[in-house]
Amino acid sequence: NIRPSERRKGYGKLICRLGILEARKLGIGDILITC
């Protein structure tokens, strides 16, 4: 989630990428993301 006042500034792409990195640290191979 990105707070409404901070959307459309590139934070969504960044937080998703950082979340993927954290999932990799946990040893998660294939990662499912839905919307």
PDB file of all heavy atoms in Angstrom:
ATOM      1  N   ASN A   1       0.856  -1.187   0.000  1.00  0.00           N
ATOM      2  CA  ASN A   1       0.000   0.000   0.000  1.00  0.00           C
ATOM      3  C   ASN A   1       0.888   1.231   0.000  1.00  0.00           C
ATOM      4  O   ASN A   1       1.892   1.269   0.718  1.00  0.00           O
ATOM      5  CB  ASN A   1      -0.843   0.071   1.288  1.00  0.00           C
ATOM      6  CG  ASN A   1      -1.809  -1.056   1.420  1.00  0.00           C
ATOM      7  OD1 ASN A   1      -2.747  -1.147   0.638  1.00  0.00           O
ATOM      8  ND2 ASN A   1      -1.598  -1.925   2.404  1.00  0.00           N
ATOM      9  N   ILE A   2       0.495   2.215  -0.756  1.00  0.00           N
ATOM     10  CA  ILE A   2       1.132   3.532  -0.702  1.00  0.00           C
ATOM     11  C   ILE A   2       0.062   4.515  -0.245  1.00  0.00           C
ATOM     12  O   ILE A   2      -1.061   4.509  -0.762  1.00  0.00           O
ATOM     13  CB  ILE A   2       1.700   3.952  -2.084  1.00  0.00           C
ATOM     14  CG1 ILE A   2       2.764   2.961  -2.561  1.00  0.00           C
ATOM     15  CG2 ILE A   2       2.247   5.375  -2.030  1.00  0.00           C
ATOM     16  CD1 ILE A   2       4.005   2.880  -1.691  1.00  0.00           C
ATOM     17  N   ARG A   3       0.405   5.343   0.719  1.00  0.00           N
ATOM     18  CA  ARG A   3      -0.601   6.288   1.227  1.00  0.00           C
ATOM     19  C   ARG A   3      -1.058   7.194   0.084  1.00  0.00           C
ATOM     20  O   ARG A   3      -0.265   7.559  -0.805  1.00  0.00           O
ATOM     21  CB  ARG A   3      -0.077   7.048   2.433  1.00  0.00           C
ATOM     22  CG  ARG A   3       0.979   8.076   2.132  1.00  0.00           C
ATOM     23  CD  ARG A   3       1.590   8.683   3.370  1.00  0.00           C
ATOM     24  NE  ARG A   3       0.684   9.551   4.089  1.00  0.00           N
ATOM     25  CZ  ARG A   3       0.953  10.089   5.273  1.00  0.00           C
ATOM     26  NH1 ARG A   3       2.105   9.848   5.872  1.00  0.00           N
ATOM     27  NH2 ARG A   3       0.089  10.875   5.855  1.00  0.00           N
ATOM     28  N   PRO A   4      -2.339   7.544   0.065  1.00  0.00           N
ATOM     29  CA  PRO A   4      -2.895   8.298  -1.074  1.00  0.00           C
ATOM     30  C   PRO A   4      -2.128   9.558  -1.459  1.00  0.00           C
ATOM     31  O   PRO A   4      -1.926   9.823  -2.649  1.00  0.00           O
ATOM     32  CB  PRO A   4      -4.320   8.612  -0.608  1.00  0.00           C
ATOM     33  CG  PRO A   4      -4.669   7.449   0.273  1.00  0.00           C
ATOM     34  CD  PRO A   4      -3.385   7.139   1.008  1.00  0.00           C
ATOM     35  N   SER A   5      -1.647  10.328  -0.499  1.00  0.00           N
ATOM     36  CA  SER A   5      -0.949  11.580  -0.819  1.00  0.00           C
ATOM     37  C   SER A   5       0.429  11.355  -1.431  1.00  0.00           C
ATOM     38  O   SER A   5       1.041  12.304  -1.921  1.00  0.00           O
ATOM     39  CB  SER A   5      -0.823  12.448   0.436  1.00  0.00           C
ATOM     40  OG  SER A   5      -0.044  11.787   1.419  1.00  0.00           O
ATOM     41  N   GLU A   6       0.916  10.112  -1.442  1.00  0.00           N
ATOM     42  CA  GLU A   6       2.257   9.824  -1.963  1.00  0.00           C
ATOM     43  C   GLU A   6       2.232   8.969  -3.230  1.00  0.00           C
ATOM     44  O   GLU A   6       3.284   8.524  -3.691  1.00  0.00           O
ATOM     45  CB  GLU A   6       3.103   9.138  -0.890  1.00  0.00           C
ATOM     46  CG  GLU A   6       3.340   9.992   0.339  1.00  0.00           C
ATOM     47  CD  GLU A   6       4.173  11.242   0.061  1.00  0.00           C
ATOM     48  OE1 GLU A   6       4.868  11.298  -0.968  1.00  0.00           O
ATOM     49  OE2 GLU A   6       4.117  12.167   0.895  1.00  0.00           O
ATOM     50  N   ARG A   7       1.061   8.757  -3.788  1.00  0.00           N
ATOM     51  CA  ARG A   7       0.955   7.928  -4.989  1.00  0.00           C
ATOM     52  C   ARG A   7       1.417   8.697  -6.228  1.00  0.00           C
ATOM     53  O   ARG A   7       1.483   9.922  -6.230  1.00  0.00           O
ATOM     54  CB  ARG A   7      -0.493   7.462  -5.167  1.00  0.00           C
ATOM     55  CG  ARG A   7      -0.890   6.471  -4.090  1.00  0.00           C
ATOM     56  CD  ARG A   7      -2.302   5.993  -4.263  1.00  0.00           C
ATOM     57  NE  ARG A   7      -2.667   5.147  -3.124  1.00  0.00           N
ATOM     58  CZ  ARG A   7      -3.893   5.032  -2.665  1.00  0.00           C
ATOM     59  NH1 ARG A   7      -4.888   5.669  -3.253  1.00  0.00           N
ATOM     60  NH2 ARG A   7      -4.136   4.255  -1.638  1.00  0.00           N
ATOM     61  N   ARG A   8       1.756   7.935  -7.254  1.00  0.00           N
ATOM     62  CA  ARG A   8       2.204   8.473  -8.546  1.00  0.00           C
ATOM     63  C   ARG A   8       3.545   9.204  -8.441  1.00  0.00           C
ATOM     64  O   ARG A   8       3.800  10.159  -9.165  1.00  0.00           O
ATOM     65  CB  ARG A   8       1.138   9.355  -9.186  1.00  0.00           C
ATOM     66  CG  ARG A   8      -0.120   8.584  -9.510  1.00  0.00           C
ATOM     67  CD  ARG A   8      -1.167   9.482 -10.130  1.00  0.00           C
ATOM     68  NE  ARG A   8      -2.367   8.708 -10.333  1.00  0.00           N
ATOM     69  CZ  ARG A   8      -2.839   8.358 -11.519  1.00  0.00           C
ATOM     70  NH1 ARG A   8      -2.231   8.748 -12.606  1.00  0.00           N
ATOM     71  NH2 ARG A   8      -3.939   7.641 -11.614  1.00  0.00           N
ATOM     72  N   LYS A   9       4.362   8.732  -7.517  1.00  0.00           N
ATOM     73  CA  LYS A   9       5.698   9.309  -7.327  1.00  0.00           C
ATOM     74  C   LYS A   9       6.777   8.240  -7.461  1.00  0.00           C
ATOM     75  O   LYS A   9       7.937   8.508  -7.164  1.00  0.00           O
ATOM     76  CB  LYS A   9       5.786   9.971  -5.955  1.00  0.00           C
ATOM     77  CG  LYS A   9       4.830  11.138  -5.776  1.00  0.00           C
ATOM     78  CD  LYS A   9       4.942  11.735  -4.387  1.00  0.00           C
ATOM     79  CE  LYS A   9       3.949  12.873  -4.206  1.00  0.00           C
ATOM     80  NZ  LYS A   9       4.038  13.439  -2.842  1.00  0.00           N
ATOM     81  N   GLY A  10       6.400   7.026  -7.858  1.00  0.00           N
ATOM     82  CA  GLY A  10       7.369   5.945  -8.015  1.00  0.00           C
ATOM     83  C   GLY A  10       7.522   5.057  -6.797  1.00  0.00           C
ATOM     84  O   GLY A  10       8.286   4.082  -6.830  1.00  0.00           O
ATOM     85  N   TYR A  11       6.804   5.344  -5.721  1.00  0.00           N
ATOM     86  CA  TYR A  11       6.956   4.552  -4.506  1.00  0.00           C
ATOM     87  C   TYR A  11       6.354   3.152  -4.638  1.00  0.00           C
ATOM     88  O   TYR A  11       6.836   2.218  -4.001  1.00  0.00           O
ATOM     89  CB  TYR A  11       6.348   5.267  -3.302  1.00  0.00           C
ATOM     90  CG  TYR A  11       7.084   6.529  -2.927  1.00  0.00           C
ATOM     91  CD1 TYR A  11       6.438   7.759  -2.912  1.00  0.00           C
ATOM     92  CD2 TYR A  11       8.436   6.494  -2.595  1.00  0.00           C
ATOM     93  CE1 TYR A  11       7.109   8.918  -2.568  1.00  0.00           C
ATOM     94  CE2 TYR A  11       9.118   7.651  -2.252  1.00  0.00           C
ATOM     95  CZ  TYR A  11       8.443   8.858  -2.240  1.00  0.00           C
ATOM     96  OH  TYR A  11       9.116  10.007  -1.900  1.00  0.00           O
ATOM     97  N   GLY A  12       5.310   2.997  -5.428  1.00  0.00           N
ATOM     98  CA  GLY A  12       4.731   1.675  -5.624  1.00  0.00           C
ATOM     99  C   GLY A  12       5.731   0.719  -6.242  1.00  0.00           C
ATOM    100  O   GLY A  12       5.917  -0.413  -5.771  1.00  0.00           O
ATOM    101  N   LYS A  13       6.377   1.161  -7.288  1.00  0.00           N
ATOM    102  CA  LYS A  13       7.389   0.334  -7.948  1.00  0.00           C
ATOM    103  C   LYS A  13       8.529   0.002  -6.985  1.00  0.00           C
ATOM    104  O   LYS A  13       8.996  -1.139  -6.917  1.00  0.00           O
ATOM    105  CB  LYS A  13       7.927   1.067  -9.185  1.00  0.00           C
ATOM    106  CG  LYS A  13       8.906   0.265 -10.002  1.00  0.00           C
ATOM    107  CD  LYS A  13       9.317   1.042 -11.244  1.00  0.00           C
ATOM    108  CE  LYS A  13      10.398   0.323 -12.023  1.00  0.00           C
ATOM    109  NZ  LYS A  13      10.839   1.102 -13.181  1.00  0.00           N
ATOM    110  N   LEU A  14       8.949   0.996  -6.203  1.00  0.00           N
ATOM    111  CA  LEU A  14      10.033   0.800  -5.246  1.00  0.00           C
ATOM    112  C   LEU A  14       9.635  -0.186  -4.158  1.00  0.00           C
ATOM    113  O   LEU A  14      10.384  -1.123  -3.858  1.00  0.00           O
ATOM    114  CB  LEU A  14      10.438   2.143  -4.629  1.00  0.00           C
ATOM    115  CG  LEU A  14      11.491   2.073  -3.520  1.00  0.00           C
ATOM    116  CD1 LEU A  14      12.809   1.517  -4.050  1.00  0.00           C
ATOM    117  CD2 LEU A  14      11.682   3.454  -2.899  1.00  0.00           C
ATOM    118  N   ILE A  15       8.469  -0.016  -3.555  1.00  0.00           N
ATOM    119  CA  ILE A  15       8.093  -0.881  -2.441  1.00  0.00           C
ATOM    120  C   ILE A  15       7.876  -2.315  -2.907  1.00  0.00           C
ATOM    121  O   ILE A  15       8.206  -3.264  -2.192  1.00  0.00           O
ATOM    122  CB  ILE A  15       6.869  -0.334  -1.673  1.00  0.00           C
ATOM    123  CG1 ILE A  15       6.827  -0.930  -0.259  1.00  0.00           C
ATOM    124  CG2 ILE A  15       5.573  -0.598  -2.420  1.00  0.00           C
ATOM    125  CD1 ILE A  15       5.853  -0.238   0.662  1.00  0.00           C
ATOM    126  N   CYS A  16       7.383  -2.491  -4.106  1.00  0.00           N
ATOM    127  CA  CYS A  16       7.223  -3.843  -4.656  1.00  0.00           C
ATOM    128  C   CYS A  16       8.599  -4.486  -4.844  1.00  0.00           C
ATOM    129  O   CYS A  16       8.815  -5.639  -4.442  1.00  0.00           O
ATOM    130  CB  CYS A  16       6.445  -3.790  -5.961  1.00  0.00           C
ATOM    131  SG  CYS A  16       6.070  -5.411  -6.658  1.00  0.00           S
ATOM    132  N   ARG A  17       9.532  -3.754  -5.414  1.00  0.00           N
ATOM    133  CA  ARG A  17      10.887  -4.282  -5.626  1.00  0.00           C
ATOM    134  C   ARG A  17      11.537  -4.651  -4.296  1.00  0.00           C
ATOM    135  O   ARG A  17      12.135  -5.726  -4.147  1.00  0.00           O
ATOM    136  CB  ARG A  17      11.760  -3.264  -6.371  1.00  0.00           C
ATOM    137  CG  ARG A  17      13.187  -3.774  -6.619  1.00  0.00           C
ATOM    138  CD  ARG A  17      14.010  -2.838  -7.495  1.00  0.00           C
ATOM    139  NE  ARG A  17      14.066  -1.471  -7.052  1.00  0.00           N
ATOM    140  CZ  ARG A  17      14.887  -1.009  -6.097  1.00  0.00           C
ATOM    141  NH1 ARG A  17      15.725  -1.833  -5.493  1.00  0.00           N
ATOM    142  NH2 ARG A  17      14.884   0.263  -5.764  1.00  0.00           N
ATOM    143  N   LEU A  18      11.399  -3.782  -3.301  1.00  0.00           N
ATOM    144  CA  LEU A  18      11.985  -4.061  -1.988  1.00  0.00           C
ATOM    145  C   LEU A  18      11.295  -5.250  -1.312  1.00  0.00           C
ATOM    146  O   LEU A  18      11.946  -6.042  -0.628  1.00  0.00           O
ATOM    147  CB  LEU A  18      11.928  -2.816  -1.109  1.00  0.00           C
ATOM    148  CG  LEU A  18      12.774  -1.631  -1.588  1.00  0.00           C
ATOM    149  CD1 LEU A  18      12.508  -0.391  -0.741  1.00  0.00           C
ATOM    150  CD2 LEU A  18      14.251  -1.979  -1.622  1.00  0.00           C
ATOM    151  N   GLY A  19       9.993  -5.379  -1.513  1.00  0.00           N
ATOM    152  CA  GLY A  19       9.271  -6.532  -0.988  1.00  0.00           C
ATOM    153  C   GLY A  19       9.756  -7.831  -1.618  1.00  0.00           C
ATOM    154  O   GLY A  19       9.893  -8.859  -0.937  1.00  0.00           O
ATOM    155  N   ILE A  20      10.032  -7.794  -2.910  1.00  0.00           N
ATOM    156  CA  ILE A  20      10.568  -8.970  -3.607  1.00  0.00           C
ATOM    157  C   ILE A  20      11.925  -9.351  -3.014  1.00  0.00           C
ATOM    158  O   ILE A  20      12.207 -10.527  -2.769  1.00  0.00           O
ATOM    159  CB  ILE A  20      10.669  -8.706  -5.123  1.00  0.00           C
ATOM    160  CG1 ILE A  20       9.269  -8.600  -5.733  1.00  0.00           C
ATOM    161  CG2 ILE A  20      11.497  -9.790  -5.823  1.00  0.00           C
ATOM    162  CD1 ILE A  20       9.237  -7.987  -7.126  1.00  0.00           C
ATOM    163  N   LEU A  21      12.756  -8.352  -2.751  1.00  0.00           N
ATOM    164  CA  LEU A  21      14.069  -8.627  -2.142  1.00  0.00           C
ATOM    165  C   LEU A  21      13.911  -9.264  -0.765  1.00  0.00           C
ATOM    166  O   LEU A  21      14.652 -10.194  -0.415  1.00  0.00           O
ATOM    167  CB  LEU A  21      14.892  -7.347  -2.045  1.00  0.00           C
ATOM    168  CG  LEU A  21      15.343  -6.732  -3.375  1.00  0.00           C
ATOM    169  CD1 LEU A  21      16.031  -5.389  -3.140  1.00  0.00           C
ATOM    170  CD2 LEU A  21      16.264  -7.684  -4.119  1.00  0.00           C
ATOM    171  N   GLU A  22      12.955  -8.793   0.023  1.00  0.00           N
ATOM    172  CA  GLU A  22      12.725  -9.387   1.342  1.00  0.00           C
ATOM    173  C   GLU A  22      12.214 -10.821   1.205  1.00  0.00           C
ATOM    174  O   GLU A  22      12.599 -11.699   1.982  1.00  0.00           O
ATOM    175  CB  GLU A  22      11.741  -8.538   2.158  1.00  0.00           C
ATOM    176  CG  GLU A  22      12.289  -7.192   2.578  1.00  0.00           C
ATOM    177  CD  GLU A  22      13.512  -7.268   3.472  1.00  0.00           C
ATOM    178  OE1 GLU A  22      13.652  -8.249   4.244  1.00  0.00           O
ATOM    179  OE2 GLU A  22      14.347  -6.345   3.413  1.00  0.00           O
ATOM    180  N   ALA A  23      11.362 -11.074   0.217  1.00  0.00           N
ATOM    181  CA  ALA A  23      10.872 -12.442  -0.015  1.00  0.00           C
ATOM    182  C   ALA A  23      12.029 -13.360  -0.387  1.00  0.00           C
ATOM    183  O   ALA A  23      12.097 -14.514   0.076  1.00  0.00           O
ATOM    184  CB  ALA A  23       9.806 -12.441  -1.111  1.00  0.00           C
ATOM    185  N   ARG A  24      12.943 -12.868  -1.186  1.00  0.00           N
ATOM    186  CA  ARG A  24      14.112 -13.671  -1.562  1.00  0.00           C
ATOM    187  C   ARG A  24      14.968 -13.998  -0.340  1.00  0.00           C
ATOM    188  O   ARG A  24      15.486 -15.103  -0.217  1.00  0.00           O
ATOM    189  CB  ARG A  24      14.944 -12.945  -2.621  1.00  0.00           C
ATOM    190  CG  ARG A  24      14.233 -12.731  -3.945  1.00  0.00           C
ATOM    191  CD  ARG A  24      14.036 -14.023  -4.695  1.00  0.00           C
ATOM    192  NE  ARG A  24      13.503 -13.749  -6.021  1.00  0.00           N
ATOM    193  CZ  ARG A  24      12.484 -14.395  -6.541  1.00  0.00           C
ATOM    194  NH1 ARG A  24      11.867 -15.342  -5.863  1.00  0.00           N
ATOM    195  NH2 ARG A  24      12.059 -14.103  -7.750  1.00  0.00           N
ATOM    196  N   LYS A  25      15.113 -13.034   0.579  1.00  0.00           N
ATOM    197  CA  LYS A  25      15.872 -13.280   1.807  1.00  0.00           C
ATOM    198  C   LYS A  25      15.245 -14.407   2.626  1.00  0.00           C
ATOM    199  O   LYS A  25      15.949 -15.112   3.349  1.00  0.00           O
ATOM    200  CB  LYS A  25      15.951 -12.013   2.662  1.00  0.00           C
ATOM    201  CG  LYS A  25      16.829 -10.930   2.102  1.00  0.00           C
ATOM    202  CD  LYS A  25      16.780  -9.715   3.015  1.00  0.00           C
ATOM    203  CE  LYS A  25      17.454  -8.513   2.404  1.00  0.00           C
ATOM    204  NZ  LYS A  25      17.294  -7.314   3.267  1.00  0.00           N
ATOM    205  N   LEU A  26      13.935 -14.547   2.524  1.00  0.00           N
ATOM    206  CA  LEU A  26      13.229 -15.613   3.244  1.00  0.00           C
ATOM    207  C   LEU A  26      13.299 -16.946   2.510  1.00  0.00           C
ATOM    208  O   LEU A  26      12.788 -17.946   2.994  1.00  0.00           O
ATOM    209  CB  LEU A  26      11.760 -15.229   3.445  1.00  0.00           C
ATOM    210  CG  LEU A  26      11.492 -14.113   4.436  1.00  0.00           C
ATOM    211  CD1 LEU A  26      10.049 -13.630   4.334  1.00  0.00           C
ATOM    212  CD2 LEU A  26      11.805 -14.583   5.853  1.00  0.00           C
ATOM    213  N   GLY A  27      13.912 -16.944   1.325  1.00  0.00           N
ATOM    214  CA  GLY A  27      14.039 -18.181   0.563  1.00  0.00           C
ATOM    215  C   GLY A  27      12.850 -18.501  -0.316  1.00  0.00           C
ATOM    216  O   GLY A  27      12.723 -19.628  -0.799  1.00  0.00           O
ATOM    217  N   ILE A  28      11.993 -17.535  -0.540  1.00  0.00           N
ATOM    218  CA  ILE A  28      10.832 -17.764  -1.406  1.00  0.00           C
ATOM    219  C   ILE A  28      11.309 -17.752  -2.848  1.00  0.00           C
ATOM    220  O   ILE A  28      11.926 -16.782  -3.295  1.00  0.00           O
ATOM    221  CB  ILE A  28       9.733 -16.709  -1.163  1.00  0.00           C
ATOM    222  CG1 ILE A  28       9.264 -16.785   0.299  1.00  0.00           C
ATOM    223  CG2 ILE A  28       8.572 -16.913  -2.124  1.00  0.00           C
ATOM    224  CD1 ILE A  28       8.345 -15.657   0.709  1.00  0.00           C
ATOM    225  N   GLY A  29      11.044 -18.809  -3.580  1.00  0.00           N
ATOM    226  CA  GLY A  29      11.466 -18.929  -4.979  1.00  0.00           C
ATOM    227  C   GLY A  29      10.528 -18.156  -5.896  1.00  0.00           C
ATOM    228  O   GLY A  29      10.714 -16.967  -6.151  1.00  0.00           O
ATOM    229  N   ASP A  30       9.525 -18.832  -6.397  1.00  0.00           N
ATOM    230  CA  ASP A  30       8.539 -18.170  -7.255  1.00  0.00           C
ATOM    231  C   ASP A  30       7.588 -17.363  -6.370  1.00  0.00           C
ATOM    232  O   ASP A  30       7.062 -17.872  -5.370  1.00  0.00           O
ATOM    233  CB  ASP A  30       7.760 -19.196  -8.066  1.00  0.00           C
ATOM    234  CG  ASP A  30       8.635 -19.935  -9.072  1.00  0.00           C
ATOM    235  OD1 ASP A  30       9.753 -19.448  -9.371  1.00  0.00           O
ATOM    236  OD2 ASP A  30       8.205 -20.993  -9.557  1.00  0.00           O
ATOM    237  N   ILE A  31       7.380 -16.102  -6.734  1.00  0.00           N
ATOM    238  CA  ILE A  31       6.600 -15.175  -5.916  1.00  0.00           C
ATOM    239  C   ILE A  31       5.312 -14.818  -6.650  1.00  0.00           C
ATOM    240  O   ILE A  31       5.343 -14.348  -7.786  1.00  0.00           O
ATOM    241  CB  ILE A  31       7.417 -13.894  -5.636  1.00  0.00           C
ATOM    242  CG1 ILE A  31       8.685 -14.239  -4.858  1.00  0.00           C
ATOM    243  CG2 ILE A  31       6.566 -12.864  -4.900  1.00  0.00           C
ATOM    244  CD1 ILE A  31       9.666 -13.085  -4.748  1.00  0.00           C
ATOM    245  N   LEU A  32       4.188 -15.032  -5.979  1.00  0.00           N
ATOM    246  CA  LEU A  32       2.880 -14.665  -6.520  1.00  0.00           C
ATOM    247  C   LEU A  32       2.486 -13.286  -6.008  1.00  0.00           C
ATOM    248  O   LEU A  32       2.579 -13.015  -4.806  1.00  0.00           O
ATOM    249  CB  LEU A  32       1.821 -15.690  -6.089  1.00  0.00           C
ATOM    250  CG  LEU A  32       0.380 -15.391  -6.495  1.00  0.00           C
ATOM    251  CD1 LEU A  32       0.214 -15.428  -8.019  1.00  0.00           C
ATOM    252  CD2 LEU A  32      -0.574 -16.371  -5.822  1.00  0.00           C
ATOM    253  N   ILE A  33       2.065 -12.421  -6.921  1.00  0.00           N
ATOM    254  CA  ILE A  33       1.526 -11.106  -6.570  1.00  0.00           C
ATOM    255  C   ILE A  33       0.224 -10.940  -7.340  1.00  0.00           C
ATOM    256  O   ILE A  33       0.161 -11.234  -8.534  1.00  0.00           O
ATOM    257  CB  ILE A  33       2.490  -9.953  -6.927  1.00  0.00           C
ATOM    258  CG1 ILE A  33       3.865 -10.167  -6.286  1.00  0.00           C
ATOM    259  CG2 ILE A  33       1.909  -8.619  -6.469  1.00  0.00           C
ATOM    260  CD1 ILE A  33       4.883  -9.099  -6.629  1.00  0.00           C
ATOM    261  N   THR A  34      -0.808 -10.471  -6.659  1.00  0.00           N
ATOM    262  CA  THR A  34      -2.104 -10.288  -7.309  1.00  0.00           C
ATOM    263  C   THR A  34      -2.545  -8.832  -7.215  1.00  0.00           C
ATOM    264  O   THR A  34      -2.048  -8.064  -6.386  1.00  0.00           O
ATOM    265  CB  THR A  34      -3.192 -11.179  -6.667  1.00  0.00           C
ATOM    266  OG1 THR A  34      -3.522 -10.665  -5.368  1.00  0.00           O
ATOM    267  CG2 THR A  34      -2.753 -12.628  -6.565  1.00  0.00           C
ATOM    268  N   CYS A  35      -3.501  -8.487  -8.069  1.00  0.00           N
ATOM    269  CA  CYS A  35      -4.143  -7.174  -7.973  1.00  0.00           C
ATOM    270  C   CYS A  35      -5.522  -7.264  -8.611  1.00  0.00           C
ATOM    271  O   CYS A  35      -5.815  -8.197  -9.361  1.00  0.00           O
ATOM    272  CB  CYS A  35      -3.303  -6.083  -8.633  1.00  0.00           C
ATOM    273  SG  CYS A  35      -3.166  -6.179 -10.437  1.00  0.00           S
TER     274      CYS A  35
END
